[in-house]
PDB file of N, CA and C in Angstrom:
ATOM      1  N   MET A   1     218.339  80.855 249.429  1.00  0.00           N
ATOM      2  CA  MET A   1     218.318  82.059 248.626  1.00  0.00           C
ATOM      3  C   MET A   1     216.991  82.813 248.795  1.00  0.00           C
ATOM      4  N   LYS A   2     215.899  82.043 248.904  1.00  0.00           N
ATOM      5  CA  LYS A   2     214.592  82.653 249.070  1.00  0.00           C
ATOM      6  C   LYS A   2     214.513  83.420 250.394  1.00  0.00           C
ATOM      7  N   HIS A   3     215.073  82.834 251.452  1.00  0.00           N
ATOM      8  CA  HIS A   3     215.071  83.483 252.763  1.00  0.00           C
ATOM      9  C   HIS A   3     215.973  84.711 252.767  1.00  0.00           C
ATOM     10  N   LEU A   4     217.073  84.644 252.055  1.00  0.00           N
ATOM     11  CA  LEU A   4     217.988  85.783 251.967  1.00  0.00           C
ATOM     12  C   LEU A   4     217.312  86.959 251.271  1.00  0.00           C
ATOM     13  N   ASN A   5     216.600  86.699 250.194  1.00  0.00           N
ATOM     14  CA  ASN A   5     215.883  87.762 249.484  1.00  0.00           C
ATOM     15  C   ASN A   5     214.803  88.382 250.368  1.00  0.00           C
ATOM     16  N   ALA A   6     214.075  87.545 251.076  1.00  0.00           N
ATOM     17  CA  ALA A   6     213.025  88.045 251.966  1.00  0.00           C
ATOM     18  C   ALA A   6     213.623  88.874 253.092  1.00  0.00           C
ATOM     19  N   THR A   7     214.745  88.437 253.639  1.00  0.00           N
ATOM     20  CA  THR A   7     215.414  89.172 254.709  1.00  0.00           C
ATOM     21  C   THR A   7     215.930  90.517 254.206  1.00  0.00           C
ATOM     22  N   LEU A   8     216.568  90.519 253.059  1.00  0.00           N
ATOM     23  CA  LEU A   8     217.078  91.770 252.491  1.00  0.00           C
ATOM     24  C   LEU A   8     215.944  92.739 252.166  1.00  0.00           C
ATOM     25  N   PHE A   9     214.854  92.218 251.638  1.00  0.00           N
ATOM     26  CA  PHE A   9     213.698  93.058 251.339  1.00  0.00           C
ATOM     27  C   PHE A   9     213.125  93.667 252.621  1.00  0.00           C
ATOM     28  N   SER A  10     213.033  92.876 253.683  1.00  0.00           N
ATOM     29  CA  SER A  10     212.520  93.365 254.965  1.00  0.00           C
ATOM     30  C   SER A  10     213.408  94.456 255.537  1.00  0.00           C
ATOM     31  N   ILE A  11     214.706  94.270 255.460  1.00  0.00           N
ATOM     32  CA  ILE A  11     215.645  95.273 255.968  1.00  0.00           C
ATOM     33  C   ILE A  11     215.521  96.561 255.165  1.00  0.00           C
ATOM     34  N   LEU A  12     215.431  96.445 253.862  1.00  0.00           N
ATOM     35  CA  LEU A  12     215.277  97.614 253.002  1.00  0.00           C
ATOM     36  C   LEU A  12     213.989  98.360 253.325  1.00  0.00           C
ATOM     37  N   LEU A  13     212.913  97.630 253.555  1.00  0.00           N
ATOM     38  CA  LEU A  13     211.638  98.236 253.904  1.00  0.00           C
ATOM     39  C   LEU A  13     211.725  98.974 255.237  1.00  0.00           C
ATOM     40  N   LEU A  14     212.342  98.366 256.228  1.00  0.00           N
ATOM     41  CA  LEU A  14     212.502  99.010 257.532  1.00  0.00           C
ATOM     42  C   LEU A  14     213.347 100.272 257.440  1.00  0.00           C
ATOM     43  N   LEU A  15     214.408 100.227 256.674  1.00  0.00           N
ATOM     44  CA  LEU A  15     215.257 101.406 256.505  1.00  0.00           C
ATOM     45  C   LEU A  15     214.508 102.534 255.817  1.00  0.00           C
ATOM     46  N   THR A  16     213.671 102.201 254.868  1.00  0.00           N
ATOM     47  CA  THR A  16     212.883 103.216 254.169  1.00  0.00           C
ATOM     48  C   THR A  16     211.914 103.893 255.123  1.00  0.00           C
ATOM     49  N   PHE A  17     211.197 103.100 255.922  1.00  0.00           N
ATOM     50  CA  PHE A  17     210.247 103.683 256.857  1.00  0.00           C
ATOM     51  C   PHE A  17     210.943 104.472 257.955  1.00  0.00           C
ATOM     52  N   SER A  18     212.055 104.007 258.457  1.00  0.00           N
ATOM     53  CA  SER A  18     212.745 104.735 259.517  1.00  0.00           C
ATOM     54  C   SER A  18     213.353 106.021 258.988  1.00  0.00           C
ATOM     55  N   ALA A  19     213.760 106.059 257.732  1.00  0.00           N
ATOM     56  CA  ALA A  19     214.304 107.289 257.153  1.00  0.00           C
ATOM     57  C   ALA A  19     213.207 108.328 256.989  1.00  0.00           C
ATOM     58  N   ASN A  20     212.006 107.891 256.624  1.00  0.00           N
ATOM     59  CA  ASN A  20     210.897 108.817 256.441  1.00  0.00           C
ATOM     60  C   ASN A  20     210.211 109.173 257.752  1.00  0.00           C
ATOM     61  N   ALA A  21     210.430 108.405 258.790  1.00  0.00           N
ATOM     62  CA  ALA A  21     209.751 108.641 260.060  1.00  0.00           C
ATOM     63  C   ALA A  21     210.169 109.951 260.699  1.00  0.00           C
ATOM     64  N   ASN A  22     211.358 110.436 260.445  1.00  0.00           N
ATOM     65  CA  ASN A  22     211.849 111.657 261.070  1.00  0.00           C
ATOM     66  C   ASN A  22     211.834 112.852 260.137  1.00  0.00           C
ATOM     67  N   SER A  23     211.151 112.756 259.013  1.00  0.00           N
ATOM     68  CA  SER A  23     211.103 113.884 258.096  1.00  0.00           C
ATOM     69  C   SER A  23     209.756 114.582 258.211  1.00  0.00           C
ATOM     70  N   ASP A  24     209.746 115.874 257.910  1.00  0.00           N
ATOM     71  CA  ASP A  24     208.519 116.659 257.968  1.00  0.00           C
ATOM     72  C   ASP A  24     207.632 116.375 256.759  1.00  0.00           C
ATOM     73  N   VAL A  25     206.360 116.698 256.903  1.00  0.00           N
ATOM     74  CA  VAL A  25     205.417 116.575 255.803  1.00  0.00           C
ATOM     75  C   VAL A  25     205.867 117.492 254.671  1.00  0.00           C
ATOM     76  N   SER A  26     205.721 117.030 253.459  1.00  0.00           N
ATOM     77  CA  SER A  26     206.141 117.796 252.290  1.00  0.00           C
ATOM     78  C   SER A  26     205.429 119.150 252.233  1.00  0.00           C
ATOM     79  N   GLY A  27     206.176 120.213 252.001  1.00  0.00           N
ATOM     80  CA  GLY A  27     205.627 121.561 251.889  1.00  0.00           C
ATOM     81  C   GLY A  27     205.478 122.286 253.209  1.00  0.00           C
ATOM     82  N   SER A  28     205.763 121.627 254.318  1.00  0.00           N
ATOM     83  CA  SER A  28     205.607 122.257 255.630  1.00  0.00           C
ATOM     84  C   SER A  28     206.868 123.009 256.029  1.00  0.00           C
ATOM     85  N   ASN A  29     206.694 123.971 256.922  1.00  0.00           N
ATOM     86  CA  ASN A  29     207.840 124.671 257.499  1.00  0.00           C
ATOM     87  C   ASN A  29     207.456 125.197 258.879  1.00  0.00           C
ATOM     88  N   ASP A  30     208.463 125.503 259.678  1.00  0.00           N
ATOM     89  CA  ASP A  30     208.231 125.992 261.033  1.00  0.00           C
ATOM     90  C   ASP A  30     207.786 127.445 261.016  1.00  0.00           C
ATOM     91  N   ASN A  31     207.000 127.811 262.015  1.00  0.00           N
ATOM     92  CA  ASN A  31     206.649 129.201 262.220  1.00  0.00           C
ATOM     93  C   ASN A  31     207.884 129.911 262.762  1.00  0.00           C
ATOM     94  N   PRO A  32     208.275 131.052 262.191  1.00  0.00           N
ATOM     95  CA  PRO A  32     209.489 131.727 262.653  1.00  0.00           C
ATOM     96  C   PRO A  32     209.380 132.284 264.075  1.00  0.00           C
ATOM     97  N   LEU A  33     208.170 132.415 264.604  1.00  0.00           N
ATOM     98  CA  LEU A  33     207.987 132.978 265.941  1.00  0.00           C
ATOM     99  C   LEU A  33     208.018 131.933 267.052  1.00  0.00           C
ATOM    100  N   ILE A  34     207.871 130.658 266.688  1.00  0.00           N
ATOM    101  CA  ILE A  34     207.777 129.591 267.689  1.00  0.00           C
ATOM    102  C   ILE A  34     208.819 128.527 267.391  1.00  0.00           C
ATOM    103  N   SER A  35     209.598 128.169 268.401  1.00  0.00           N
ATOM    104  CA  SER A  35     210.597 127.117 268.197  1.00  0.00           C
ATOM    105  C   SER A  35     209.951 125.746 268.417  1.00  0.00           C
ATOM    106  N   ARG A  36     210.572 124.736 267.884  1.00  0.00           N
ATOM    107  CA  ARG A  36     210.055 123.378 267.940  1.00  0.00           C
ATOM    108  C   ARG A  36     210.772 122.593 269.036  1.00  0.00           C
ATOM    109  N   TYR A  37     210.063 121.642 269.656  1.00  0.00           N
ATOM    110  CA  TYR A  37     210.705 120.757 270.624  1.00  0.00           C
ATOM    111  C   TYR A  37     211.759 119.912 269.925  1.00  0.00           C
ATOM    112  N   PRO A  38     212.859 119.613 270.602  1.00  0.00           N
ATOM    113  CA  PRO A  38     213.895 118.770 269.984  1.00  0.00           C
ATOM    114  C   PRO A  38     213.347 117.393 269.614  1.00  0.00           C
ATOM    115  N   GLU A  39     213.852 116.840 268.544  1.00  0.00           N
ATOM    116  CA  GLU A  39     213.529 115.490 268.073  1.00  0.00           C
ATOM    117  C   GLU A  39     212.053 115.301 267.716  1.00  0.00           C
ATOM    118  N   THR A  40     211.393 116.365 267.249  1.00  0.00           N
ATOM    119  CA  THR A  40     210.022 116.241 266.767  1.00  0.00           C
ATOM    120  C   THR A  40     209.997 116.519 265.270  1.00  0.00           C
ATOM    121  N   HIS A  41     208.932 116.089 264.620  1.00  0.00           N
ATOM    122  CA  HIS A  41     208.768 116.387 263.206  1.00  0.00           C
ATOM    123  C   HIS A  41     207.299 116.679 262.920  1.00  0.00           C
ATOM    124  N   ILE A  42     207.052 117.409 261.846  1.00  0.00           N
ATOM    125  CA  ILE A  42     205.704 117.822 261.480  1.00  0.00           C
ATOM    126  C   ILE A  42     204.995 116.655 260.801  1.00  0.00           C
ATOM    127  N   ILE A  43     203.821 116.280 261.349  1.00  0.00           N
ATOM    128  CA  ILE A  43     203.057 115.183 260.755  1.00  0.00           C
ATOM    129  C   ILE A  43     201.815 115.693 260.024  1.00  0.00           C
ATOM    130  N   LYS A  44     201.394 116.944 260.319  1.00  0.00           N
ATOM    131  CA  LYS A  44     200.241 117.530 259.640  1.00  0.00           C
ATOM    132  C   LYS A  44     200.480 119.024 259.512  1.00  0.00           C
ATOM    133  N   TYR A  45     200.126 119.580 258.354  1.00  0.00           N
ATOM    134  CA  TYR A  45     200.391 120.984 258.091  1.00  0.00           C
ATOM    135  C   TYR A  45     199.297 121.540 257.198  1.00  0.00           C
ATOM    136  N   SER A  46     198.693 122.652 257.587  1.00  0.00           N
ATOM    137  CA  SER A  46     197.716 123.305 256.715  1.00  0.00           C
ATOM    138  C   SER A  46     197.751 124.808 256.958  1.00  0.00           C
ATOM    139  N   ILE A  47     197.434 125.548 255.910  1.00  0.00           N
ATOM    140  CA  ILE A  47     197.398 127.009 255.965  1.00  0.00           C
ATOM    141  C   ILE A  47     196.029 127.454 255.472  1.00  0.00           C
ATOM    142  N   SER A  48     195.456 128.433 256.148  1.00  0.00           N
ATOM    143  CA  SER A  48     194.196 129.012 255.712  1.00  0.00           C
ATOM    144  C   SER A  48     194.412 130.502 255.499  1.00  0.00           C
ATOM    145  N   GLU A  49     193.976 131.006 254.371  1.00  0.00           N
ATOM    146  CA  GLU A  49     194.138 132.430 254.058  1.00  0.00           C
ATOM    147  C   GLU A  49     193.369 133.295 255.054  1.00  0.00           C
ATOM    148  N   TYR A  50     192.158 132.858 255.417  1.00  0.00           N
ATOM    149  CA  TYR A  50     191.361 133.653 256.342  1.00  0.00           C
ATOM    150  C   TYR A  50     190.401 132.743 257.097  1.00  0.00           C
ATOM    151  N   ASP A  51     190.410 132.844 258.407  1.00  0.00           N
ATOM    152  CA  ASP A  51     189.485 132.125 259.283  1.00  0.00           C
ATOM    153  C   ASP A  51     188.924 133.099 260.300  1.00  0.00           C
ATOM    154  N   GLN A  52     187.714 132.842 260.760  1.00  0.00           N
ATOM    155  CA  GLN A  52     187.138 133.607 261.861  1.00  0.00           C
ATOM    156  C   GLN A  52     186.887 132.664 263.026  1.00  0.00           C
ATOM    157  N   PHE A  53     187.095 133.165 264.233  1.00  0.00           N
ATOM    158  CA  PHE A  53     186.838 132.351 265.410  1.00  0.00           C
ATOM    159  C   PHE A  53     186.517 133.250 266.586  1.00  0.00           C
ATOM    160  N   ASP A  54     185.838 132.687 267.578  1.00  0.00           N
ATOM    161  CA  ASP A  54     185.452 133.416 268.783  1.00  0.00           C
ATOM    162  C   ASP A  54     186.410 133.088 269.917  1.00  0.00           C
ATOM    163  N   LEU A  55     186.877 134.126 270.589  1.00  0.00           N
ATOM    164  CA  LEU A  55     187.729 133.965 271.766  1.00  0.00           C
ATOM    165  C   LEU A  55     186.933 134.327 273.004  1.00  0.00           C
ATOM    166  N   PRO A  56     187.082 133.589 274.089  1.00  0.00           N
ATOM    167  CA  PRO A  56     186.387 133.965 275.321  1.00  0.00           C
ATOM    168  C   PRO A  56     186.902 135.314 275.821  1.00  0.00           C
ATOM    169  N   ALA A  57     185.985 136.176 276.251  1.00  0.00           N
ATOM    170  CA  ALA A  57     186.362 137.506 276.729  1.00  0.00           C
ATOM    171  C   ALA A  57     186.707 137.498 278.213  1.00  0.00           C
ATOM    172  N   ALA A  58     186.303 136.450 278.918  1.00  0.00           N
ATOM    173  CA  ALA A  58     186.565 136.363 280.355  1.00  0.00           C
ATOM    174  C   ALA A  58     186.456 134.906 280.775  1.00  0.00           C
ATOM    175  N   SER A  59     186.869 134.629 282.002  1.00  0.00           N
ATOM    176  CA  SER A  59     186.717 133.269 282.511  1.00  0.00           C
ATOM    177  C   SER A  59     185.232 132.980 282.739  1.00  0.00           C
ATOM    178  N   ILE A  60     184.897 131.712 282.720  1.00  0.00           N
ATOM    179  CA  ILE A  60     183.503 131.322 282.908  1.00  0.00           C
ATOM    180  C   ILE A  60     183.124 131.532 284.370  1.00  0.00           C
ATOM    181  N   ALA A  61     182.066 132.288 284.566  1.00  0.00           N
ATOM    182  CA  ALA A  61     181.578 132.548 285.923  1.00  0.00           C
ATOM    183  C   ALA A  61     180.075 132.284 285.949  1.00  0.00           C
ATOM    184  N   LYS A  62     179.618 131.753 287.050  1.00  0.00           N
ATOM    185  CA  LYS A  62     178.204 131.435 287.187  1.00  0.00           C
ATOM    186  C   LYS A  62     177.378 132.723 287.153  1.00  0.00           C
ATOM    187  N   ASP A  63     176.280 132.686 286.422  1.00  0.00           N
ATOM    188  CA  ASP A  63     175.331 133.801 286.320  1.00  0.00           C
ATOM    189  C   ASP A  63     175.920 135.050 285.674  1.00  0.00           C
ATOM    190  N   GLN A  64     176.978 134.927 284.910  1.00  0.00           N
ATOM    191  CA  GLN A  64     177.527 136.076 284.186  1.00  0.00           C
ATOM    192  C   GLN A  64     177.705 135.678 282.729  1.00  0.00           C
ATOM    193  N   ASP A  65     177.348 136.589 281.860  1.00  0.00           N
ATOM    194  CA  ASP A  65     177.437 136.309 280.434  1.00  0.00           C
ATOM    195  C   ASP A  65     178.335 137.349 279.773  1.00  0.00           C
ATOM    196  N   TYR A  66     179.472 136.917 279.285  1.00  0.00           N
ATOM    197  CA  TYR A  66     180.385 137.801 278.575  1.00  0.00           C
ATOM    198  C   TYR A  66     180.378 137.403 277.102  1.00  0.00           C
ATOM    199  N   PRO A  67     180.075 138.347 276.229  1.00  0.00           N
ATOM    200  CA  PRO A  67     180.086 137.989 274.808  1.00  0.00           C
ATOM    201  C   PRO A  67     181.512 137.693 274.341  1.00  0.00           C
ATOM    202  N   PRO A  68     181.667 136.711 273.474  1.00  0.00           N
ATOM    203  CA  PRO A  68     183.014 136.397 272.980  1.00  0.00           C
ATOM    204  C   PRO A  68     183.523 137.486 272.041  1.00  0.00           C
ATOM    205  N   VAL A  69     184.821 137.545 271.882  1.00  0.00           N
ATOM    206  CA  VAL A  69     185.456 138.477 270.959  1.00  0.00           C
ATOM    207  C   VAL A  69     185.693 137.722 269.651  1.00  0.00           C
ATOM    208  N   ASN A  70     185.146 138.256 268.569  1.00  0.00           N
ATOM    209  CA  ASN A  70     185.301 137.609 267.267  1.00  0.00           C
ATOM    210  C   ASN A  70     186.553 138.140 266.585  1.00  0.00           C
ATOM    211  N   LYS A  71     187.449 137.241 266.207  1.00  0.00           N
ATOM    212  CA  LYS A  71     188.698 137.612 265.537  1.00  0.00           C
ATOM    213  C   LYS A  71     188.814 136.847 264.232  1.00  0.00           C
ATOM    214  N   GLY A  72     189.582 137.391 263.323  1.00  0.00           N
ATOM    215  CA  GLY A  72     189.798 136.728 262.048  1.00  0.00           C
ATOM    216  C   GLY A  72     191.190 137.006 261.528  1.00  0.00           C
ATOM    217  N   GLY A  73     191.663 136.132 260.654  1.00  0.00           N
ATOM    218  CA  GLY A  73     192.981 136.320 260.060  1.00  0.00           C
ATOM    219  C   GLY A  73     193.537 135.023 259.515  1.00  0.00           C
ATOM    220  N   ASN A  74     194.808 135.055 259.179  1.00  0.00           N
ATOM    221  CA  ASN A  74     195.492 133.866 258.662  1.00  0.00           C
ATOM    222  C   ASN A  74     195.590 132.814 259.754  1.00  0.00           C
ATOM    223  N   SER A  75     195.561 131.562 259.337  1.00  0.00           N
ATOM    224  CA  SER A  75     195.629 130.465 260.296  1.00  0.00           C
ATOM    225  C   SER A  75     196.595 129.397 259.793  1.00  0.00           C
ATOM    226  N   ASP A  76     197.557 129.029 260.625  1.00  0.00           N
ATOM    227  CA  ASP A  76     198.487 127.936 260.330  1.00  0.00           C
ATOM    228  C   ASP A  76     198.257 126.829 261.348  1.00  0.00           C
ATOM    229  N   LEU A  77     198.131 125.603 260.873  1.00  0.00           N
ATOM    230  CA  LEU A  77     197.987 124.453 261.763  1.00  0.00           C
ATOM    231  C   LEU A  77     199.190 123.548 261.576  1.00  0.00           C
ATOM    232  N   LEU A  78     199.948 123.353 262.655  1.00  0.00           N
ATOM    233  CA  LEU A  78     201.111 122.467 262.646  1.00  0.00           C
ATOM    234  C   LEU A  78     200.901 121.407 263.715  1.00  0.00           C
ATOM    235  N   SER A  79     200.943 120.142 263.331  1.00  0.00           N
ATOM    236  CA  SER A  79     200.856 119.036 264.286  1.00  0.00           C
ATOM    237  C   SER A  79     202.199 118.325 264.313  1.00  0.00           C
ATOM    238  N   PHE A  80     202.729 118.146 265.518  1.00  0.00           N
ATOM    239  CA  PHE A  80     204.050 117.538 265.689  1.00  0.00           C
ATOM    240  C   PHE A  80     203.937 116.179 266.347  1.00  0.00           C
ATOM    241  N   LYS A  81     204.932 115.358 266.117  1.00  0.00           N
ATOM    242  CA  LYS A  81     205.025 114.073 266.804  1.00  0.00           C
ATOM    243  C   LYS A  81     206.449 113.886 267.255  1.00  0.00           C
TER     244      LYS A  81
END
């Protein structure tokens, strides 16, 4: 009886983890402009109201200095697995 309980508990635990393994992080959603790869799920999700970042203005070339372009706006971070 002890082994049966341990076995049933193990199976229940595995089913719980496998059911949650394919679900997205709570509160996350896909970007409407970008489609997702099949059989992936969101493992990390964050939204920023406003971020600033520098974009390269040109490819890196020896002895040439191009100032970066500073851009700002909303930022969504989606990590998939």
